[in-house]
Amino acid sequence: MHLFFSVGEPSGDQHTAHLIEEIRQRCPDTRFSAFGGPEMQEAGCHLEVCLTDYAVMGILNVLPLIFKFIQLIKQVGQYLESERPDAVVLVDFPGFNWWVAKKAKTLGIPVFYYLPPQLWAWAPWRIRRVRKNVDYVLSGLKFEKQWYESRGVKVDYIGHPFFDEVISKTLDQNVLSELKQPQKKTIGILPGSRTSELSRNFPVMLQVVRQLSDQFPDATFPVACYKQAHFELCQNLITEEQATDLPIQLYLNKTSEIIEAADCCLMVSGSVSLELLARKTPAVVLYRSHWGMYFLAHLLITCKYMSLPNLIADRELMPEFPSVGSPEKDVAKISAIFNDWLTTPLSLERARNKLISLYNETVIPGASAQAAESIVSKIQPETQQKSAA
């Protein structure tokens, strides 16, 4: 059996690596190839292209890469034509993956969409593309299954792999000990996994840190950097923003440890919010954008919230700040929330209890295993028939 994956997000790279391991346990002879990321490669998947290098968000960030994406679309089409895998598995990254799905469908290759884009939130009309070019959706959100089924799409609810990864991950105890300092408050800073996000949001986060460090001189602010380039970018931004005096320490690949140790976090909107939910760590959500993207989002996006816990609960468990233009008002409001949490233990406990309640209501274990079972059960009979023929 040959499975081809198309994965463009760092979080999708992580989830797909676990999925590959689960499929291999069931079908040891499976061949895995992908336009994907380094964690998939470590799991034994052959990378044709490291697609996660091109993870960007928003039309203004996509435009400079448009010719590269056209080249990649052509390349993936040629690969599917020549290799004819038994199935294509897409993970998020819709702008690119719609084209992959369309090409696979024209070749008669079954298409799975694992953890599909949140069409119900920002583009419900694109359900036509799903019906036309996707055979099966593997959904990580319970209400999402009902949404797809009511629109004529075959869907399995498999739970979200983030929760399994949190449970199974071994944390660095030395870093945890360093982060959890007695009598000190720890506010984790999570500036995002995309370079463009970090560039827009981290300077504003530094303004929040400035205000909070004045109010709480003993507080510490560990910053989670996804990769070495982000570590270096944060260092440069700290210097540019004249923030070298702030009690900030940068950590590379220690996001989980920071979330686990922190009293609360300031985060950029993204899938990391699910880990905050899993570790029951209260957070404030910031997302800076350009005016053009801001107005486009208001025209197109149909949901009220940015972060997944808020979307799942349909209420604001994590305070959200979509920010554009001058950030001073947002900085003041965000700082006020943290001030309340850090000076009033009951307020912070209430925020934490809301996350605990949502976690207990919505989380099911074994998402990667469930996804592997779904794919194998649907594809293996077809591959056996091909072999017999």
Protein backbone atom coordinates (compact mmCIF):
# COMPACT_ATOMS: atom_id res chain seq x y z
CA MET A 1 0.00 0.00 0.00
CA HIS A 2 1.31 3.43 -0.96
CA LEU A 3 -0.04 6.54 0.79
CA PHE A 4 0.80 10.08 -0.27
CA PHE A 5 0.40 12.97 2.19
CA SER A 6 0.15 16.70 1.52
CA VAL A 7 0.88 18.63 4.72
CA GLY A 8 1.82 22.32 4.85
CA GLU A 9 1.52 23.34 8.51
CA PRO A 10 4.02 22.59 11.31
CA SER A 11 1.22 21.28 13.54
CA GLY A 12 -0.03 19.06 10.71
CA ASP A 13 3.50 17.72 10.29
CA GLN A 14 3.46 16.62 13.93
CA HIS A 15 0.00 15.03 13.74
CA THR A 16 0.79 13.21 10.50
CA ALA A 17 4.01 11.77 11.91
CA HIS A 18 1.94 10.06 14.63
CA LEU A 19 -0.60 8.90 12.05
CA ILE A 20 2.17 7.33 9.96
CA GLU A 21 3.43 5.43 13.00
CA GLU A 22 -0.08 4.11 13.70
CA ILE A 23 -0.62 3.01 10.08
CA ARG A 24 2.76 1.26 10.05
CA GLN A 25 1.76 -0.75 13.14
CA ARG A 26 -1.24 -2.06 11.22
CA CYS A 27 0.39 -2.36 7.77
CA PRO A 28 4.19 -2.64 8.19
CA ASP A 29 4.85 -2.76 4.43
CA THR A 30 3.12 0.55 3.68
CA ARG A 31 5.10 3.03 1.60
CA PHE A 32 4.77 6.66 2.69
CA SER A 33 5.61 9.67 0.52
CA ALA A 34 4.73 13.32 0.95
CA PHE A 35 4.91 16.98 0.39
CA GLY A 36 5.27 17.47 4.13
CA GLY A 37 7.61 18.28 7.00
CA PRO A 38 10.64 17.08 8.98
CA GLU A 39 8.72 15.18 11.68
CA MET A 40 7.04 13.07 9.00
CA GLN A 41 10.48 12.37 7.56
CA GLU A 42 11.70 11.23 10.97
CA ALA A 43 8.69 8.89 11.13
CA GLY A 44 9.88 7.17 7.95
CA CYS A 45 8.02 9.11 5.27
CA HIS A 46 9.91 9.99 2.08
CA LEU A 47 9.71 13.76 1.50
CA GLU A 48 9.45 14.87 -2.09
CA VAL A 49 9.19 18.51 -0.93
CA CYS A 50 9.41 20.10 2.53
CA LEU A 51 6.09 21.91 2.16
CA THR A 52 6.06 23.23 5.73
CA ASP A 53 8.81 25.66 4.70
CA TYR A 54 6.09 27.56 2.82
CA ALA A 55 3.55 27.84 5.66
CA VAL A 56 2.06 31.34 5.45
CA MET A 57 -1.33 32.82 6.24
CA GLY A 58 -3.28 35.64 4.58
CA ILE A 59 -3.42 36.69 0.94
CA LEU A 60 -0.77 39.39 1.37
CA ASN A 61 1.74 36.80 2.57
CA VAL A 62 0.80 34.25 -0.11
CA LEU A 63 1.24 36.64 -3.05
CA PRO A 64 5.07 36.74 -2.94
CA LEU A 65 5.10 32.91 -3.11
CA ILE A 66 2.42 32.52 -5.78
CA PHE A 67 4.79 31.39 -8.54
CA LYS A 68 6.43 28.91 -6.19
CA PHE A 69 3.05 27.43 -5.30
CA ILE A 70 2.15 27.15 -9.00
CA GLN A 71 5.39 25.23 -9.50
CA LEU A 72 4.62 22.98 -6.52
CA ILE A 73 1.08 22.28 -7.78
CA LYS A 74 2.53 21.21 -11.12
CA GLN A 75 5.13 19.07 -9.37
CA VAL A 76 2.62 17.26 -7.16
CA GLY A 77 0.42 16.60 -10.19
CA GLN A 78 3.32 14.99 -12.05
CA TYR A 79 4.17 12.90 -9.00
CA LEU A 80 0.61 11.59 -8.62
CA GLU A 81 0.44 10.74 -12.33
CA SER A 82 3.70 8.80 -12.28
CA GLU A 83 3.39 7.06 -8.89
CA ARG A 84 -0.37 6.50 -8.62
CA PRO A 85 -0.54 6.04 -4.81
CA ASP A 86 -3.42 4.02 -3.35
CA ALA A 87 -4.70 7.08 -1.52
CA VAL A 88 -3.95 10.75 -0.93
CA VAL A 89 -4.24 12.11 2.61
CA LEU A 90 -4.55 15.90 2.94
CA VAL A 91 -3.95 17.75 6.20
CA ASP A 92 -5.29 21.32 6.56
CA PHE A 93 -3.44 23.84 4.25
CA PRO A 94 -6.52 24.33 2.03
CA GLY A 95 -5.21 26.83 -0.52
CA PHE A 96 -2.74 24.26 -1.80
CA ASN A 97 -4.59 21.07 -0.92
CA TRP A 98 -7.70 21.89 -2.94
CA TRP A 99 -5.50 21.56 -6.03
CA VAL A 100 -4.01 18.29 -4.80
CA ALA A 101 -7.50 16.89 -4.16
CA LYS A 102 -8.71 17.93 -7.60
CA LYS A 103 -5.74 16.30 -9.34
CA ALA A 104 -6.03 13.08 -7.32
CA LYS A 105 -9.74 12.86 -8.07
CA THR A 106 -9.19 13.20 -11.82
CA LEU A 107 -6.75 10.27 -11.57
CA GLY A 108 -9.25 8.13 -9.64
CA ILE A 109 -7.18 8.15 -6.44
CA PRO A 110 -9.21 8.13 -3.16
CA VAL A 111 -8.82 11.35 -1.18
CA PHE A 112 -8.94 11.66 2.62
CA TYR A 113 -8.95 15.03 4.37
CA TYR A 114 -7.49 14.58 7.86
CA LEU A 115 -8.28 17.53 10.16
CA PRO A 116 -9.93 19.59 7.40
CA PRO A 117 -9.94 23.40 7.27
CA GLN A 118 -12.62 25.13 9.33
CA LEU A 119 -15.00 25.79 6.45
CA TRP A 120 -17.93 26.20 8.85
CA ALA A 121 -16.10 29.26 10.24
CA TRP A 122 -14.74 31.12 7.25
CA ALA A 123 -15.83 29.60 3.93
CA PRO A 124 -18.98 27.41 4.13
CA TRP A 125 -19.59 27.79 0.40
CA ARG A 126 -16.45 25.75 -0.27
CA ILE A 127 -18.28 22.63 0.84
CA ARG A 128 -18.89 22.09 -2.90
CA ARG A 129 -15.17 21.45 -3.34
CA VAL A 130 -15.23 18.87 -0.57
CA ARG A 131 -18.23 17.03 -2.02
CA LYS A 132 -16.66 17.02 -5.47
CA ASN A 133 -13.03 16.13 -4.70
CA VAL A 134 -12.83 14.53 -1.23
CA ASP A 135 -14.00 10.98 -0.54
CA TYR A 136 -13.70 10.96 3.26
CA VAL A 137 -13.26 13.63 5.93
CA LEU A 138 -11.54 12.61 9.20
CA SER A 139 -12.76 15.21 11.67
CA GLY A 140 -11.14 16.19 14.95
CA LEU A 141 -14.16 18.15 16.26
CA LYS A 142 -17.44 16.58 17.28
CA PHE A 143 -19.76 19.31 16.00
CA GLU A 144 -17.81 19.35 12.72
CA LYS A 145 -18.94 15.79 11.96
CA GLN A 146 -22.58 16.87 12.13
CA TRP A 147 -21.85 19.91 9.95
CA TYR A 148 -20.26 17.80 7.18
CA GLU A 149 -22.81 14.98 7.36
CA SER A 150 -25.71 17.42 7.00
CA ARG A 151 -24.08 18.59 3.75
CA GLY A 152 -23.68 15.17 2.21
CA VAL A 153 -20.02 14.48 3.02
CA LYS A 154 -18.77 11.12 4.32
CA VAL A 155 -17.06 11.85 7.64
CA ASP A 156 -15.58 9.93 10.58
CA TYR A 157 -15.17 11.69 13.93
CA ILE A 158 -11.77 10.53 15.18
CA GLY A 159 -11.01 13.12 17.89
CA HIS A 160 -8.11 15.55 17.81
CA PRO A 161 -4.54 14.18 17.95
CA PHE A 162 -3.30 17.18 19.90
CA PHE A 163 -4.78 15.70 23.07
CA ASP A 164 -3.08 12.33 22.64
CA GLU A 165 0.22 14.05 21.92
CA VAL A 166 -0.07 16.07 25.12
CA ILE A 167 -0.77 12.96 27.19
CA SER A 168 2.06 10.92 25.65
CA LYS A 169 4.72 13.63 25.50
CA THR A 170 7.63 13.38 27.94
CA LEU A 171 8.42 16.84 29.24
CA ASP A 172 11.92 18.12 29.96
CA GLN A 173 12.00 18.09 33.76
CA ASN A 174 15.07 20.33 33.91
CA VAL A 175 13.28 23.02 31.91
CA LEU A 176 10.13 22.62 34.01
CA SER A 177 12.17 23.09 37.20
CA GLU A 178 13.77 26.18 35.69
CA LEU A 179 10.41 27.62 34.68
CA LYS A 180 8.51 26.88 37.88
CA GLN A 181 10.14 29.26 40.28
CA PRO A 182 8.62 29.49 43.80
CA GLN A 183 6.97 32.79 44.67
CA LYS A 184 7.26 34.00 41.05
CA LYS A 185 4.56 34.36 38.42
CA THR A 186 5.24 32.79 35.03
CA ILE A 187 3.49 34.20 31.95
CA GLY A 188 4.21 32.14 28.84
CA ILE A 189 4.59 33.97 25.52
CA LEU A 190 3.58 31.97 22.43
CA PRO A 191 4.23 34.12 19.32
CA GLY A 192 3.15 31.58 16.67
CA SER A 193 4.67 28.95 14.40
CA ARG A 194 4.77 31.08 11.24
CA THR A 195 7.47 33.69 10.66
CA SER A 196 4.92 36.25 9.44
CA GLU A 197 2.83 35.79 12.60
CA LEU A 198 5.85 36.23 14.81
CA SER A 199 6.97 39.40 13.01
CA ARG A 200 3.55 41.02 13.43
CA ASN A 201 2.67 39.88 16.93
CA PHE A 202 5.87 39.64 18.96
CA PRO A 203 6.56 43.42 19.09
CA VAL A 204 3.06 43.95 20.53
CA MET A 205 3.60 41.11 22.98
CA LEU A 206 6.74 42.86 24.15
CA GLN A 207 4.63 45.93 24.94
CA VAL A 208 2.37 43.77 27.11
CA VAL A 209 5.41 42.27 28.81
CA ARG A 210 6.71 45.78 29.49
CA GLN A 211 3.50 46.77 31.28
CA LEU A 212 3.24 43.53 33.25
CA SER A 213 6.89 43.52 34.32
CA ASP A 214 6.37 47.02 35.75
CA GLN A 215 3.36 45.77 37.73
CA PHE A 216 4.91 42.40 38.70
CA PRO A 217 8.69 42.86 39.06
CA ASP A 218 9.21 39.21 40.04
CA ALA A 219 7.31 37.80 37.03
CA THR A 220 9.13 35.84 34.32
CA PHE A 221 8.18 35.63 30.63
CA PRO A 222 9.48 32.53 28.80
CA VAL A 223 9.05 32.72 25.02
CA ALA A 224 8.35 29.59 22.95
CA CYS A 225 10.27 29.55 19.64
CA TYR A 226 9.24 26.93 17.09
CA LYS A 227 12.57 26.78 15.22
CA GLN A 228 16.04 28.28 15.27
CA ALA A 229 15.16 30.99 12.75
CA HIS A 230 12.34 32.14 15.04
CA PHE A 231 14.70 32.14 18.02
CA GLU A 232 17.03 34.46 16.13
CA LEU A 233 14.15 36.65 14.90
CA CYS A 234 12.91 37.07 18.49
CA GLN A 235 16.41 38.07 19.58
CA ASN A 236 16.54 40.70 16.84
CA LEU A 237 13.06 42.04 17.66
CA ILE A 238 13.92 42.30 21.35
CA THR A 239 16.91 44.44 20.40
CA GLU A 240 14.95 46.54 17.89
CA GLU A 241 12.15 47.19 20.38
CA GLN A 242 14.70 48.15 23.08
CA ALA A 243 13.41 45.37 25.31
CA THR A 244 16.70 43.77 26.36
CA ASP A 245 16.01 44.81 29.96
CA LEU A 246 12.79 42.78 30.18
CA PRO A 247 12.72 39.47 32.14
CA ILE A 248 12.39 37.41 28.95
CA GLN A 249 14.06 34.11 28.18
CA LEU A 250 13.82 32.44 24.78
CA TYR A 251 13.33 28.66 24.56
CA LEU A 252 13.65 26.52 21.44
CA ASN A 253 11.20 23.60 21.01
CA LYS A 254 9.95 23.87 24.60
CA THR A 255 6.40 25.03 23.94
CA SER A 256 4.83 22.20 25.95
CA GLU A 257 7.06 22.86 28.95
CA ILE A 258 6.21 26.57 28.89
CA ILE A 259 2.46 25.89 28.70
CA GLU A 260 2.67 23.32 31.50
CA ALA A 261 4.70 25.56 33.82
CA ALA A 262 2.99 28.89 33.13
CA ASP A 263 0.32 30.40 35.37
CA CYS A 264 -1.19 31.77 32.17
CA CYS A 265 -0.12 32.58 28.60
CA LEU A 266 -0.31 35.25 25.92
CA MET A 267 -0.65 33.47 22.60
CA VAL A 268 -1.08 34.07 18.90
CA SER A 269 -4.27 32.44 17.62
CA GLY A 270 -3.58 28.97 16.28
CA SER A 271 -3.82 25.24 16.90
CA VAL A 272 -1.57 25.58 19.97
CA SER A 273 -4.74 26.72 21.73
CA LEU A 274 -5.71 23.04 21.90
CA GLU A 275 -2.60 22.29 23.94
CA LEU A 276 -3.52 25.12 26.28
CA LEU A 277 -6.93 23.48 26.62
CA ALA A 278 -5.34 20.06 27.22
CA ARG A 279 -3.01 21.44 29.90
CA LYS A 280 -5.80 23.65 31.33
CA THR A 281 -3.66 26.79 31.12
CA PRO A 282 -5.65 30.06 30.83
CA ALA A 283 -4.60 32.31 27.96
CA VAL A 284 -5.30 35.57 26.19
CA VAL A 285 -5.39 35.38 22.39
CA LEU A 286 -3.81 38.05 20.18
CA TYR A 287 -3.79 38.18 16.41
CA ARG A 288 -2.35 41.14 14.54
CA SER A 289 -3.24 41.63 10.88
CA HIS A 290 -3.06 44.17 8.06
CA TRP A 291 -6.08 46.40 7.38
CA GLY A 292 -6.76 44.58 4.10
CA MET A 293 -6.79 41.17 5.77
CA TYR A 294 -8.83 42.54 8.67
CA PHE A 295 -11.64 43.83 6.41
CA LEU A 296 -11.53 40.69 4.24
CA ALA A 297 -11.93 38.55 7.36
CA HIS A 298 -14.93 40.59 8.49
CA LEU A 299 -16.55 40.06 5.08
CA LEU A 300 -15.87 36.33 4.80
CA ILE A 301 -15.56 34.79 8.24
CA THR A 302 -18.89 33.70 9.66
CA CYS A 303 -17.85 32.65 13.19
CA LYS A 304 -17.52 34.81 16.29
CA TYR A 305 -14.20 33.49 17.62
CA MET A 306 -10.61 32.84 16.56
CA SER A 307 -9.35 30.21 19.01
CA LEU A 308 -10.51 26.60 18.80
CA PRO A 309 -11.54 26.25 22.47
CA ASN A 310 -13.84 29.25 22.06
CA LEU A 311 -15.21 27.86 18.81
CA ILE A 312 -15.84 24.45 20.35
CA ALA A 313 -17.54 25.94 23.42
CA ASP A 314 -19.28 28.69 21.41
CA ARG A 315 -18.35 31.16 24.13
CA GLU A 316 -15.26 33.13 25.07
CA LEU A 317 -13.22 30.93 27.40
CA MET A 318 -10.03 32.66 26.25
CA PRO A 319 -10.25 36.47 25.81
CA GLU A 320 -9.55 37.34 22.17
CA PHE A 321 -8.04 40.43 20.57
CA PRO A 322 -8.03 40.62 16.77
CA SER A 323 -5.79 43.66 16.43
CA VAL A 324 -5.12 46.10 13.61
CA GLY A 325 -3.65 49.58 13.47
CA SER A 326 -2.27 51.14 16.63
CA PRO A 327 -2.06 48.45 19.33
CA GLU A 328 -2.10 50.66 22.43
CA LYS A 329 -5.74 50.01 23.35
CA ASP A 330 -5.33 46.26 22.92
CA VAL A 331 -2.13 46.28 24.97
CA ALA A 332 -3.94 48.07 27.80
CA LYS A 333 -6.91 45.67 27.74
CA ILE A 334 -4.71 42.57 27.58
CA SER A 335 -2.55 43.84 30.44
CA ALA A 336 -5.67 44.49 32.52
CA ILE A 337 -6.80 40.87 32.12
CA PHE A 338 -3.43 39.52 33.19
CA ASN A 339 -3.36 41.96 36.09
CA ASP A 340 -6.71 40.58 37.28
CA TRP A 341 -5.58 36.96 36.89
CA LEU A 342 -2.27 37.50 38.67
CA THR A 343 -3.60 39.56 41.57
CA THR A 344 -6.87 37.64 42.10
CA PRO A 345 -6.27 33.88 42.35
CA LEU A 346 -10.02 33.22 42.17
CA SER A 347 -10.22 34.90 38.74
CA LEU A 348 -7.42 32.72 37.38
CA GLU A 349 -9.01 29.62 38.91
CA ARG A 350 -12.34 30.44 37.26
CA ALA A 351 -10.60 30.72 33.88
CA ARG A 352 -8.88 27.38 34.47
CA ASN A 353 -12.08 25.65 35.57
CA LYS A 354 -13.80 26.69 32.34
CA LEU A 355 -11.08 24.92 30.36
CA ILE A 356 -11.31 21.83 32.59
CA SER A 357 -15.07 21.63 31.99
CA LEU A 358 -14.69 21.94 28.21
CA TYR A 359 -11.90 19.34 28.16
CA ASN A 360 -14.01 16.84 30.10
CA GLU A 361 -16.98 17.44 27.79
CA THR A 362 -15.24 17.16 24.43
CA VAL A 363 -11.99 15.18 24.48
CA ILE A 364 -11.86 11.56 23.35
CA PRO A 365 -8.59 9.58 23.34
CA GLY A 366 -6.87 7.74 20.50
CA ALA A 367 -7.29 10.13 17.57
CA SER A 368 -4.24 8.98 15.59
CA ALA A 369 -5.19 5.34 16.06
CA GLN A 370 -8.79 6.06 15.04
CA ALA A 371 -7.62 7.89 11.91
CA ALA A 372 -5.28 5.01 11.00
CA GLU A 373 -8.10 2.49 11.41
CA SER A 374 -10.38 4.58 9.22
CA ILE A 375 -7.84 4.91 6.40
CA VAL A 376 -6.66 1.30 6.47
CA SER A 377 -10.18 -0.14 6.63
CA LYS A 378 -11.23 1.83 3.56
CA ILE A 379 -8.08 1.43 1.46
CA GLN A 380 -6.72 -2.04 2.29
CA PRO A 381 -9.58 -3.98 0.62
CA GLU A 382 -9.04 -1.99 -2.58
CA THR A 383 -5.28 -2.62 -2.60
CA GLN A 384 -5.87 -6.33 -2.00
CA GLN A 385 -8.23 -6.42 -4.97
CA LYS A 386 -5.61 -4.69 -7.12
CA SER A 387 -2.98 -7.23 -6.07
CA ALA A 388 -5.33 -10.15 -6.81
CA ALA A 389 -6.10 -8.72 -10.25
